[in-house]
Amino acid sequence: MGINTVPVIYAAICVLTLTAVMLKHKCLFRGIFASAAQGITAVYAVKLIGLVTGTQLAVNWYTLGTAAVLGSPGVALILAVQTLFNT
C-alpha cells in the first residue's frame, strides 16, 4: 500500500462511518448539513489559530470542499497530508 492510497482510504472510511451513523439516527440531510458546517468552521478555526501557532492552512475551494464533504475529519486529513509532504 503506497503513501498515496492512505488518505483516500481514510477519507472513504470517514464518509462511510458518517453516513452509517446518520442513517441509523434517521437524520441524513440534517447530519450532512451539520457535518459540512462543522468542517468549514474547523477550516477557519485552524486558519485563525494558525496565526498564533504557525500552522498554515490555505482557504481555497479544495480545502473547503474537503471540509464540507468529510467534516472535521477532512480538516484533520488535510493537516496530516500537509505534515507528511511538508508543504
N, C-alpha and C. Protein backbone atom coordinates (compact mmCIF):
# COMPACT_ATOMS: atom_id res chain seq x y z
N MET A 1 0.86 -1.17 0.00
CA MET A 1 0.00 0.00 0.00
C MET A 1 0.90 1.23 0.00
N GLY A 2 0.77 2.05 -1.00
CA GLY A 2 1.62 3.24 -1.13
C GLY A 2 1.11 4.39 -0.29
N ILE A 3 1.92 5.40 -0.20
CA ILE A 3 1.55 6.57 0.60
C ILE A 3 0.39 7.34 -0.03
N ASN A 4 0.18 7.21 -1.32
CA ASN A 4 -0.89 7.96 -1.98
C ASN A 4 -2.27 7.37 -1.71
N THR A 5 -2.36 6.11 -1.34
CA THR A 5 -3.65 5.50 -1.12
C THR A 5 -4.16 5.68 0.31
N VAL A 6 -3.29 6.00 1.23
CA VAL A 6 -3.69 6.13 2.63
C VAL A 6 -4.71 7.25 2.84
N PRO A 7 -4.52 8.46 2.31
CA PRO A 7 -5.54 9.50 2.50
C PRO A 7 -6.88 9.14 1.85
N VAL A 8 -6.84 8.46 0.74
CA VAL A 8 -8.09 8.08 0.06
C VAL A 8 -8.84 7.05 0.89
N ILE A 9 -8.13 6.09 1.45
CA ILE A 9 -8.77 5.09 2.30
C ILE A 9 -9.33 5.74 3.56
N TYR A 10 -8.58 6.65 4.16
CA TYR A 10 -9.05 7.37 5.35
C TYR A 10 -10.31 8.16 5.03
N ALA A 11 -10.32 8.85 3.92
CA ALA A 11 -11.49 9.64 3.53
C ALA A 11 -12.70 8.73 3.30
N ALA A 12 -12.50 7.60 2.65
CA ALA A 12 -13.61 6.67 2.40
C ALA A 12 -14.17 6.11 3.70
N ILE A 13 -13.30 5.78 4.65
CA ILE A 13 -13.75 5.28 5.94
C ILE A 13 -14.55 6.35 6.68
N CYS A 14 -14.09 7.59 6.63
CA CYS A 14 -14.81 8.69 7.28
C CYS A 14 -16.19 8.88 6.68
N VAL A 15 -16.28 8.88 5.36
CA VAL A 15 -17.57 9.08 4.69
C VAL A 15 -18.53 7.94 5.01
N LEU A 16 -18.05 6.72 4.97
CA LEU A 16 -18.92 5.57 5.24
C LEU A 16 -19.38 5.55 6.70
N THR A 17 -18.49 5.89 7.62
CA THR A 17 -18.86 5.91 9.03
C THR A 17 -19.89 6.99 9.31
N LEU A 18 -19.67 8.18 8.79
CA LEU A 18 -20.63 9.27 9.00
C LEU A 18 -21.99 8.95 8.38
N THR A 19 -22.00 8.37 7.21
CA THR A 19 -23.26 8.02 6.56
C THR A 19 -24.00 6.94 7.35
N ALA A 20 -23.28 5.95 7.85
CA ALA A 20 -23.92 4.88 8.63
C ALA A 20 -24.54 5.44 9.91
N VAL A 21 -23.83 6.32 10.58
CA VAL A 21 -24.36 6.90 11.82
C VAL A 21 -25.58 7.77 11.53
N MET A 22 -25.53 8.55 10.47
CA MET A 22 -26.67 9.41 10.14
C MET A 22 -27.89 8.60 9.71
N LEU A 23 -27.68 7.51 8.98
CA LEU A 23 -28.80 6.66 8.60
C LEU A 23 -29.40 5.95 9.82
N LYS A 24 -28.56 5.56 10.75
CA LYS A 24 -29.03 4.88 11.95
C LYS A 24 -29.92 5.79 12.78
N HIS A 25 -29.56 7.05 12.87
CA HIS A 25 -30.32 8.01 13.66
C HIS A 25 -31.40 8.73 12.86
N LYS A 26 -31.57 8.36 11.60
CA LYS A 26 -32.61 8.92 10.72
C LYS A 26 -32.54 10.44 10.60
N CYS A 27 -31.33 10.93 10.43
CA CYS A 27 -31.16 12.38 10.26
C CYS A 27 -30.10 12.64 9.18
N LEU A 28 -30.29 12.03 8.02
CA LEU A 28 -29.27 12.08 6.98
C LEU A 28 -29.01 13.51 6.49
N PHE A 29 -30.05 14.23 6.07
CA PHE A 29 -29.83 15.56 5.49
C PHE A 29 -29.41 16.57 6.54
N ARG A 30 -30.00 16.51 7.70
CA ARG A 30 -29.61 17.41 8.77
C ARG A 30 -28.17 17.11 9.21
N GLY A 31 -27.82 15.83 9.24
CA GLY A 31 -26.47 15.43 9.61
C GLY A 31 -25.43 15.85 8.59
N ILE A 32 -25.78 15.73 7.32
CA ILE A 32 -24.86 16.16 6.26
C ILE A 32 -24.62 17.66 6.34
N PHE A 33 -25.68 18.42 6.55
CA PHE A 33 -25.53 19.86 6.65
C PHE A 33 -24.72 20.25 7.88
N ALA A 34 -24.98 19.60 9.01
CA ALA A 34 -24.25 19.91 10.24
C ALA A 34 -22.77 19.53 10.11
N SER A 35 -22.49 18.40 9.46
CA SER A 35 -21.11 17.98 9.27
C SER A 35 -20.36 18.94 8.36
N ALA A 36 -21.03 19.40 7.31
CA ALA A 36 -20.40 20.35 6.39
C ALA A 36 -20.13 21.68 7.10
N ALA A 37 -21.09 22.15 7.87
CA ALA A 37 -20.90 23.41 8.60
C ALA A 37 -19.78 23.28 9.62
N GLN A 38 -19.71 22.15 10.30
CA GLN A 38 -18.66 21.92 11.28
C GLN A 38 -17.29 21.86 10.61
N GLY A 39 -17.20 21.22 9.46
CA GLY A 39 -15.92 21.12 8.75
C GLY A 39 -15.43 22.48 8.26
N ILE A 40 -16.34 23.26 7.69
CA ILE A 40 -15.95 24.59 7.20
C ILE A 40 -15.55 25.49 8.35
N THR A 41 -16.26 25.38 9.47
CA THR A 41 -15.90 26.15 10.65
C THR A 41 -14.52 25.72 11.17
N ALA A 42 -14.23 24.43 11.10
CA ALA A 42 -12.93 23.94 11.54
C ALA A 42 -11.80 24.48 10.67
N VAL A 43 -12.05 24.62 9.37
CA VAL A 43 -11.02 25.19 8.48
C VAL A 43 -10.68 26.62 8.91
N TYR A 44 -11.70 27.41 9.16
CA TYR A 44 -11.45 28.79 9.56
C TYR A 44 -10.86 28.87 10.96
N ALA A 45 -11.22 27.94 11.84
CA ALA A 45 -10.64 27.92 13.18
C ALA A 45 -9.14 27.59 13.11
N VAL A 46 -8.78 26.62 12.27
CA VAL A 46 -7.37 26.29 12.10
C VAL A 46 -6.62 27.46 11.49
N LYS A 47 -7.26 28.16 10.57
CA LYS A 47 -6.64 29.33 9.94
C LYS A 47 -6.38 30.42 11.00
N LEU A 48 -7.35 30.67 11.88
CA LEU A 48 -7.17 31.69 12.91
C LEU A 48 -6.15 31.26 13.96
N ILE A 49 -6.21 30.01 14.39
CA ILE A 49 -5.25 29.52 15.37
C ILE A 49 -3.86 29.46 14.77
N GLY A 50 -3.79 29.28 13.45
CA GLY A 50 -2.51 29.23 12.77
C GLY A 50 -1.72 30.52 12.87
N LEU A 51 -2.41 31.63 13.09
CA LEU A 51 -1.71 32.90 13.27
C LEU A 51 -0.86 32.87 14.53
N VAL A 52 -1.29 32.11 15.53
CA VAL A 52 -0.56 32.01 16.79
C VAL A 52 0.43 30.85 16.76
N THR A 53 0.01 29.71 16.25
CA THR A 53 0.83 28.50 16.30
C THR A 53 1.79 28.35 15.12
N GLY A 54 1.54 29.03 14.05
CA GLY A 54 2.39 28.93 12.87
C GLY A 54 1.94 27.87 11.88
N THR A 55 0.85 27.19 12.15
CA THR A 55 0.31 26.20 11.22
C THR A 55 -0.45 26.94 10.13
N GLN A 56 -0.06 26.75 8.90
CA GLN A 56 -0.69 27.43 7.78
C GLN A 56 -1.64 26.49 7.06
N LEU A 57 -2.86 26.95 6.84
CA LEU A 57 -3.86 26.20 6.10
C LEU A 57 -4.52 27.15 5.12
N ALA A 58 -4.34 26.88 3.84
CA ALA A 58 -4.91 27.75 2.81
C ALA A 58 -6.42 27.54 2.76
N VAL A 59 -7.14 28.63 2.62
CA VAL A 59 -8.59 28.55 2.46
C VAL A 59 -8.88 28.73 0.97
N ASN A 60 -9.16 27.62 0.31
CA ASN A 60 -9.50 27.65 -1.11
C ASN A 60 -10.60 26.63 -1.36
N TRP A 61 -10.98 26.46 -2.62
CA TRP A 61 -12.08 25.56 -2.94
C TRP A 61 -11.77 24.11 -2.58
N TYR A 62 -10.51 23.71 -2.65
CA TYR A 62 -10.15 22.33 -2.34
C TYR A 62 -10.28 22.04 -0.85
N THR A 63 -9.78 22.93 -0.01
CA THR A 63 -9.87 22.70 1.43
C THR A 63 -11.31 22.84 1.91
N LEU A 64 -12.04 23.81 1.39
CA LEU A 64 -13.44 23.98 1.79
C LEU A 64 -14.30 22.81 1.30
N GLY A 65 -14.03 22.32 0.11
CA GLY A 65 -14.77 21.17 -0.42
C GLY A 65 -14.51 19.91 0.38
N THR A 66 -13.26 19.68 0.72
CA THR A 66 -12.91 18.52 1.55
C THR A 66 -13.56 18.63 2.91
N ALA A 67 -13.53 19.82 3.50
CA ALA A 67 -14.14 20.03 4.81
C ALA A 67 -15.65 19.88 4.75
N ALA A 68 -16.26 20.32 3.65
CA ALA A 68 -17.72 20.20 3.52
C ALA A 68 -18.15 18.75 3.34
N VAL A 69 -17.37 17.97 2.61
CA VAL A 69 -17.74 16.58 2.36
C VAL A 69 -17.41 15.70 3.56
N LEU A 70 -16.22 15.88 4.14
CA LEU A 70 -15.77 15.00 5.21
C LEU A 70 -15.95 15.56 6.61
N GLY A 71 -16.20 16.84 6.74
CA GLY A 71 -16.36 17.44 8.06
C GLY A 71 -15.03 17.66 8.74
N SER A 72 -15.03 17.58 10.05
CA SER A 72 -13.80 17.78 10.84
C SER A 72 -12.72 16.73 10.53
N PRO A 73 -13.07 15.46 10.31
CA PRO A 73 -12.02 14.51 9.91
C PRO A 73 -11.34 14.91 8.60
N GLY A 74 -12.05 15.60 7.73
CA GLY A 74 -11.44 16.09 6.49
C GLY A 74 -10.39 17.14 6.76
N VAL A 75 -10.64 18.00 7.74
CA VAL A 75 -9.65 19.02 8.11
C VAL A 75 -8.43 18.34 8.72
N ALA A 76 -8.66 17.32 9.55
CA ALA A 76 -7.55 16.56 10.12
C ALA A 76 -6.75 15.87 9.01
N LEU A 77 -7.44 15.37 8.00
CA LEU A 77 -6.78 14.74 6.86
C LEU A 77 -5.93 15.75 6.10
N ILE A 78 -6.44 16.93 5.88
CA ILE A 78 -5.67 17.97 5.18
C ILE A 78 -4.41 18.30 5.96
N LEU A 79 -4.54 18.47 7.28
CA LEU A 79 -3.38 18.79 8.11
C LEU A 79 -2.37 17.65 8.13
N ALA A 80 -2.86 16.40 8.16
CA ALA A 80 -1.96 15.24 8.15
C ALA A 80 -1.20 15.14 6.83
N VAL A 81 -1.90 15.33 5.73
CA VAL A 81 -1.23 15.27 4.42
C VAL A 81 -0.24 16.41 4.28
N GLN A 82 -0.60 17.58 4.79
CA GLN A 82 0.29 18.72 4.74
C GLN A 82 1.54 18.45 5.56
N THR A 83 1.39 17.80 6.69
CA THR A 83 2.54 17.48 7.53
C THR A 83 3.41 16.41 6.88
N LEU A 84 2.79 15.41 6.28
CA LEU A 84 3.55 14.33 5.64
C LEU A 84 4.37 14.84 4.47
N PHE A 85 3.81 15.72 3.68
CA PHE A 85 4.50 16.18 2.48
C PHE A 85 5.25 17.49 2.68
N ASN A 86 5.21 18.04 3.90
CA ASN A 86 5.94 19.27 4.23
C ASN A 86 5.67 20.41 3.28
N THR A 87 4.39 20.65 2.99
CA THR A 87 4.06 21.76 2.10
C THR A 87 3.51 22.92 2.87
